[in-house]
C-alpha atoms as a PDB file:
ATOM      1  CA  MET A   1      33.467  24.252 -40.271  1.00  0.00           C
ATOM      2  CA  THR A   2      31.614  21.114 -40.263  1.00  0.00           C
ATOM      3  CA  THR A   3      30.156  19.457 -37.185  1.00  0.00           C
ATOM      4  CA  SER A   4      29.849  15.746 -37.355  1.00  0.00           C
ATOM      5  CA  LEU A   5      27.103  13.754 -35.608  1.00  0.00           C
ATOM      6  CA  PRO A   6      28.453  11.392 -32.794  1.00  0.00           C
ATOM      7  CA  GLU A   7      28.733   7.559 -33.633  1.00  0.00           C
ATOM      8  CA  THR A   8      25.834   5.517 -32.681  1.00  0.00           C
ATOM      9  CA  HIS A   9      28.168   3.602 -30.508  1.00  0.00           C
ATOM     10  CA  ASP A  10      28.495   6.722 -28.189  1.00  0.00           C
ATOM     11  CA  LEU A  11      24.950   7.241 -27.630  1.00  0.00           C
ATOM     12  CA  PRO A  12      23.347   5.669 -24.692  1.00  0.00           C
ATOM     13  CA  SER A  13      21.254   2.798 -25.399  1.00  0.00           C
ATOM     14  CA  PRO A  14      17.444   3.332 -24.871  1.00  0.00           C
ATOM     15  CA  PRO A  15      16.138   2.116 -21.583  1.00  0.00           C
ATOM     16  CA  ALA A  16      14.696  -1.415 -21.992  1.00  0.00           C
ATOM     17  CA  PRO A  17      10.877  -1.526 -22.182  1.00  0.00           C
ATOM     18  CA  GLN A  18       9.738  -2.272 -18.367  1.00  0.00           C
ATOM     19  CA  PHE A  19       7.539  -5.451 -18.159  1.00  0.00           C
ATOM     20  CA  ARG A  20       3.928  -4.772 -17.767  1.00  0.00           C
ATOM     21  CA  PRO A  21       2.506  -7.274 -15.355  1.00  0.00           C
ATOM     22  CA  ASP A  22      -0.707  -8.803 -16.236  1.00  0.00           C
ATOM     23  CA  ILE A  23      -3.283 -11.291 -14.806  1.00  0.00           C
ATOM     24  CA  TYR A  24      -1.308 -14.347 -16.070  1.00  0.00           C
ATOM     25  CA  PHE A  25       1.965 -12.859 -13.834  1.00  0.00           C
ATOM     26  CA  VAL A  26      -0.391 -12.461 -10.941  1.00  0.00           C
ATOM     27  CA  TYR A  27      -1.578 -16.020 -10.800  1.00  0.00           C
ATOM     28  CA  SER A  28       1.968 -17.330 -11.861  1.00  0.00           C
ATOM     29  CA  HIS A  29       3.245 -17.231  -8.271  1.00  0.00           C
ATOM     30  CA  PRO A  30       1.753 -17.135  -4.727  1.00  0.00           C
ATOM     31  CA  ALA A  31       4.036 -13.819  -4.264  1.00  0.00           C
ATOM     32  CA  SER A  32       2.806 -11.964  -7.181  1.00  0.00           C
ATOM     33  CA  PHE A  33      -0.886 -12.979  -6.138  1.00  0.00           C
ATOM     34  CA  LEU A  34      -0.452 -11.425  -2.698  1.00  0.00           C
ATOM     35  CA  ALA A  35       1.481  -8.632  -3.656  1.00  0.00           C
ATOM     36  CA  PHE A  36      -1.091  -7.595  -6.310  1.00  0.00           C
ATOM     37  CA  SER A  37      -3.774  -8.328  -3.881  1.00  0.00           C
ATOM     38  CA  GLY A  38      -5.286 -10.922  -5.784  1.00  0.00           C
ATOM     39  CA  GLY A  39      -5.231  -8.854  -9.106  1.00  0.00           C
ATOM     40  CA  VAL A  40      -6.496  -5.773  -7.645  1.00  0.00           C
ATOM     41  CA  GLY A  41      -3.182  -4.017  -8.313  1.00  0.00           C
ATOM     42  CA  LEU A  42      -3.767  -4.414 -12.244  1.00  0.00           C
ATOM     43  CA  SER A  43      -6.376  -1.644 -12.057  1.00  0.00           C
ATOM     44  CA  PRO A  44      -5.489   0.939 -14.924  1.00  0.00           C
ATOM     45  CA  VAL A  45      -6.682   3.574 -12.597  1.00  0.00           C
ATOM     46  CA  ALA A  46      -5.262   4.526  -9.094  1.00  0.00           C
ATOM     47  CA  PRO A  47      -4.242   0.867  -8.151  1.00  0.00           C
ATOM     48  CA  GLY A  48      -3.211   2.054  -4.889  1.00  0.00           C
ATOM     49  CA  THR A  49      -6.899   3.499  -4.118  1.00  0.00           C
ATOM     50  CA  MET A  50      -8.074   0.195  -5.395  1.00  0.00           C
ATOM     51  CA  GLY A  51      -5.806  -1.755  -3.150  1.00  0.00           C
ATOM     52  CA  THR A  52      -7.051   0.374  -0.190  1.00  0.00           C
ATOM     53  CA  ILE A  53     -10.797  -0.184  -1.104  1.00  0.00           C
ATOM     54  CA  ALA A  54      -9.983  -3.999  -1.274  1.00  0.00           C
ATOM     55  CA  ALA A  55      -9.526  -3.939   2.481  1.00  0.00           C
ATOM     56  CA  PHE A  56     -13.215  -2.988   3.113  1.00  0.00           C
ATOM     57  CA  PRO A  57     -14.724  -6.542   2.031  1.00  0.00           C
ATOM     58  CA  LEU A  58     -11.824  -7.995   3.785  1.00  0.00           C
ATOM     59  CA  PHE A  59     -12.348  -6.120   7.110  1.00  0.00           C
ATOM     60  CA  TRP A  60     -16.101  -7.205   6.858  1.00  0.00           C
ATOM     61  CA  LEU A  61     -15.506 -10.760   6.508  1.00  0.00           C
ATOM     62  CA  LEU A  62     -12.694 -10.967   8.965  1.00  0.00           C
ATOM     63  CA  ASN A  63     -14.454  -8.948  11.572  1.00  0.00           C
ATOM     64  CA  HIS A  64     -17.470 -11.113  11.479  1.00  0.00           C
ATOM     65  CA  TYR A  65     -15.680 -14.374  11.803  1.00  0.00           C
ATOM     66  CA  LEU A  66     -12.536 -13.609  13.883  1.00  0.00           C
ATOM     67  CA  SER A  67     -12.063 -12.570  17.526  1.00  0.00           C
ATOM     68  CA  PRO A  68     -10.119  -9.376  18.011  1.00  0.00           C
ATOM     69  CA  ILE A  69      -6.898 -11.118  19.048  1.00  0.00           C
ATOM     70  CA  TYR A  70      -6.988 -13.481  16.168  1.00  0.00           C
ATOM     71  CA  PHE A  71      -7.808 -10.497  13.916  1.00  0.00           C
ATOM     72  CA  LEU A  72      -4.741  -8.600  14.935  1.00  0.00           C
ATOM     73  CA  LEU A  73      -2.483 -11.899  14.750  1.00  0.00           C
ATOM     74  CA  LEU A  74      -3.802 -12.164  11.281  1.00  0.00           C
ATOM     75  CA  ILE A  75      -2.787  -8.812  10.262  1.00  0.00           C
ATOM     76  CA  ASP A  76       0.751  -9.447  11.586  1.00  0.00           C
ATOM     77  CA  ILE A  77       0.812 -12.540   9.501  1.00  0.00           C
ATOM     78  CA  MET A  78      -0.140 -10.422   6.506  1.00  0.00           C
ATOM     79  CA  PHE A  79       2.446  -7.911   7.017  1.00  0.00           C
ATOM     80  CA  ILE A  80       5.228 -10.575   7.487  1.00  0.00           C
ATOM     81  CA  ALA A  81       3.913 -12.211   4.181  1.00  0.00           C
ATOM     82  CA  GLY A  82       3.897  -8.812   2.454  1.00  0.00           C
ATOM     83  CA  ILE A  83       7.482  -8.372   3.208  1.00  0.00           C
ATOM     84  CA  TRP A  84       8.275 -11.601   1.455  1.00  0.00           C
ATOM     85  CA  ALA A  85       5.695 -11.249  -1.362  1.00  0.00           C
ATOM     86  CA  CYS A  86       6.368  -7.526  -2.140  1.00  0.00           C
ATOM     87  CA  GLY A  87      10.282  -8.248  -1.818  1.00  0.00           C
ATOM     88  CA  LEU A  88      10.054 -11.251  -4.315  1.00  0.00           C
ATOM     89  CA  CYS A  89       7.823  -9.517  -6.656  1.00  0.00           C
ATOM     90  CA  GLY A  90       9.776  -6.484  -6.561  1.00  0.00           C
ATOM     91  CA  LYS A  91      12.768  -8.239  -7.879  1.00  0.00           C
ATOM     92  CA  ALA A  92      10.758  -9.985 -10.551  1.00  0.00           C
ATOM     93  CA  LEU A  93       9.440  -6.837 -11.885  1.00  0.00           C
ATOM     94  CA  GLU A  94      13.048  -5.101 -11.527  1.00  0.00           C
ATOM     95  CA  ASN A  95      10.979  -2.437  -9.509  1.00  0.00           C
ATOM     96  CA  PRO A  96      11.013  -2.776  -5.977  1.00  0.00           C
ATOM     97  CA  ASP A  97       7.885  -0.685  -5.523  1.00  0.00           C
ATOM     98  CA  HIS A  98       5.821  -1.211  -8.651  1.00  0.00           C
ATOM     99  CA  GLY A  99       2.503   0.862  -8.433  1.00  0.00           C
ATOM    100  CA  GLY A 100       0.489  -2.488  -8.932  1.00  0.00           C
ATOM    101  CA  MET A 101       1.936  -3.916  -5.775  1.00  0.00           C
ATOM    102  CA  VAL A 102      -0.891  -2.823  -3.458  1.00  0.00           C
ATOM    103  CA  TRP A 103      -0.693  -5.423  -0.707  1.00  0.00           C
ATOM    104  CA  ASP A 104       0.832  -2.752   1.414  1.00  0.00           C
ATOM    105  CA  GLU A 105      -2.140  -0.559   1.143  1.00  0.00           C
ATOM    106  CA  THR A 106      -4.554  -3.463   1.729  1.00  0.00           C
ATOM    107  CA  VAL A 107      -3.020  -4.413   4.978  1.00  0.00           C
ATOM    108  CA  ALA A 108      -2.280  -1.045   6.275  1.00  0.00           C
ATOM    109  CA  PHE A 109      -5.781   0.060   5.850  1.00  0.00           C
ATOM    110  CA  LEU A 110      -7.119  -3.206   7.168  1.00  0.00           C
ATOM    111  CA  LEU A 111      -5.320  -2.029  10.305  1.00  0.00           C
ATOM    112  CA  VAL A 112      -6.834   1.501  10.158  1.00  0.00           C
ATOM    113  CA  LEU A 113     -10.296  -0.157   9.908  1.00  0.00           C
ATOM    114  CA  TYR A 114      -9.779  -2.373  12.806  1.00  0.00           C
ATOM    115  CA  PHE A 115      -9.172   0.553  15.111  1.00  0.00           C
ATOM    116  CA  THR A 116     -11.844   2.904  13.380  1.00  0.00           C
ATOM    117  CA  PRO A 117     -15.240   3.283  14.919  1.00  0.00           C
ATOM    118  CA  ASP A 118     -17.962   0.924  13.018  1.00  0.00           C
ATOM    119  CA  HIS A 119     -19.755   3.979  11.271  1.00  0.00           C
ATOM    120  CA  TRP A 120     -19.497   4.700   7.508  1.00  0.00           C
ATOM    121  CA  THR A 121     -18.491   8.589   8.300  1.00  0.00           C
ATOM    122  CA  TRP A 122     -15.395   7.234  10.268  1.00  0.00           C
ATOM    123  CA  GLN A 123     -14.520   4.603   7.857  1.00  0.00           C
ATOM    124  CA  LEU A 124     -14.960   7.274   4.920  1.00  0.00           C
ATOM    125  CA  ALA A 125     -12.800   9.923   6.952  1.00  0.00           C
ATOM    126  CA  ALA A 126      -9.933   6.998   7.434  1.00  0.00           C
ATOM    127  CA  PHE A 127     -10.181   6.141   3.848  1.00  0.00           C
ATOM    128  CA  ILE A 128      -9.715   9.894   2.608  1.00  0.00           C
ATOM    129  CA  LEU A 129      -6.834  10.382   5.490  1.00  0.00           C
ATOM    130  CA  PHE A 130      -5.201   7.214   4.630  1.00  0.00           C
ATOM    131  CA  ARG A 131      -4.968   7.975   0.995  1.00  0.00           C
ATOM    132  CA  PHE A 132      -3.775  11.278   1.919  1.00  0.00           C
ATOM    133  CA  PHE A 133      -0.970  10.170   4.013  1.00  0.00           C
ATOM    134  CA  ASP A 134      -0.045   7.413   1.457  1.00  0.00           C
ATOM    135  CA  ILE A 135      -0.043   9.745  -1.716  1.00  0.00           C
ATOM    136  CA  ALA A 136       1.319  12.859  -0.092  1.00  0.00           C
ATOM    137  CA  LYS A 137       3.903  10.838   1.914  1.00  0.00           C
ATOM    138  CA  PRO A 138       4.760  13.950   4.497  1.00  0.00           C
ATOM    139  CA  GLN A 139       7.545  13.321   6.679  1.00  0.00           C
ATOM    140  CA  PRO A 140       8.553  10.840   8.244  1.00  0.00           C
ATOM    141  CA  ILE A 141       6.730   8.861   5.879  1.00  0.00           C
ATOM    142  CA  ARG A 142       8.710  10.031   2.826  1.00  0.00           C
ATOM    143  CA  TYR A 143      11.971   9.322   4.857  1.00  0.00           C
ATOM    144  CA  TYR A 144      11.029   5.756   5.312  1.00  0.00           C
ATOM    145  CA  ASP A 145       9.692   5.363   1.694  1.00  0.00           C
ATOM    146  CA  ASN A 146      13.065   6.850   0.551  1.00  0.00           C
ATOM    147  CA  HIS A 147      15.471   4.878   2.874  1.00  0.00           C
ATOM    148  CA  LEU A 148      13.905   1.438   3.462  1.00  0.00           C
ATOM    149  CA  THR A 149      14.362  -1.172   0.612  1.00  0.00           C
ATOM    150  CA  GLY A 150      12.955  -4.440  -0.071  1.00  0.00           C
ATOM    151  CA  GLY A 151       9.632  -5.636   0.880  1.00  0.00           C
ATOM    152  CA  PHE A 152       9.967  -4.368   4.239  1.00  0.00           C
ATOM    153  CA  GLY A 153      10.425  -0.773   2.941  1.00  0.00           C
ATOM    154  CA  VAL A 154       7.228  -1.251   0.713  1.00  0.00           C
ATOM    155  CA  MET A 155       5.063  -2.452   3.822  1.00  0.00           C
ATOM    156  CA  PHE A 156       6.596  -0.253   6.485  1.00  0.00           C
ATOM    157  CA  ASP A 157       5.776   3.239   4.887  1.00  0.00           C
ATOM    158  CA  ASP A 158       2.083   2.419   4.571  1.00  0.00           C
ATOM    159  CA  MET A 159       2.080   1.455   8.122  1.00  0.00           C
ATOM    160  CA  VAL A 160       3.366   4.605   9.032  1.00  0.00           C
ATOM    161  CA  ALA A 161       0.737   6.259   7.065  1.00  0.00           C
ATOM    162  CA  ALA A 162      -1.739   4.016   8.857  1.00  0.00           C
ATOM    163  CA  PHE A 163      -0.273   5.261  12.201  1.00  0.00           C
ATOM    164  CA  PHE A 164      -0.865   8.933  11.127  1.00  0.00           C
ATOM    165  CA  THR A 165      -4.467   8.050   9.833  1.00  0.00           C
ATOM    166  CA  LEU A 166      -5.113   6.660  13.519  1.00  0.00           C
ATOM    167  CA  LEU A 167      -3.739   9.401  15.166  1.00  0.00           C
ATOM    168  CA  CYS A 168      -5.748  12.165  13.163  1.00  0.00           C
ATOM    169  CA  LEU A 169      -8.966  10.097  13.712  1.00  0.00           C
ATOM    170  CA  ALA A 170      -8.181   9.843  17.470  1.00  0.00           C
ATOM    171  CA  GLY A 171      -7.894  13.646  17.656  1.00  0.00           C
ATOM    172  CA  TRP A 172     -10.964  14.226  15.796  1.00  0.00           C
ATOM    173  CA  LYS A 173     -12.592  11.846  18.184  1.00  0.00           C
ATOM    174  CA  ALA A 174     -11.456  13.494  21.173  1.00  0.00           C
ATOM    175  CA  TRP A 175     -12.430  16.743  19.913  1.00  0.00           C
ATOM    176  CA  VAL A 176     -15.726  15.890  18.928  1.00  0.00           C
ATOM    177  CA  LEU A 177     -16.338  14.115  22.278  1.00  0.00           C
ATOM    178  CA  SER A 178     -15.017  17.106  24.049  1.00  0.00           C
ATOM    179  CA  GLU A 179     -17.540  19.463  22.330  1.00  0.00           C
ATOM    180  CA  THR A 180     -20.181  17.004  23.319  1.00  0.00           C
ATOM    181  CA  TYR A 181     -19.462  17.134  27.059  1.00  0.00           C
ATOM    182  CA  PHE A 182     -18.835  20.726  27.325  1.00  0.00           C
END
């Protein structure tokens, strides 16, 4: 009994090599510049964490120069711009939620920092919690990550992670304050 190998035309073709964005790609269009947080998303190690860290200097700068209402308005504008940028960049990369697109982390953590007490321990706790929620994606964050598409889906699941981060921080603050007074 002889067995024959399948003809080569019956074999599935290997997947096309995925485009690896570089600094030229980031600076080629405003959408890619924004989606990659100015190039921070090109980090070979933990680009999402680097995008989150990028929110710190942005927060310190904006918090110094903007009134609270303008700061929140700017975060709204950054969110809307992120929907456009991440949607367009995701299409260009043929990957709707490419790991290098970190504008979602930057904007969401900027919102977290806005509502976090201005002390390094609170901000460190906020950073750790936000990264936990963004990486682990517990429900409902995972639901939104899996079901919302395009730029809105990229941006929204990180805003939900920001909400849960702030909820945990508020609970921690309430517990600490209750221990102080009793």
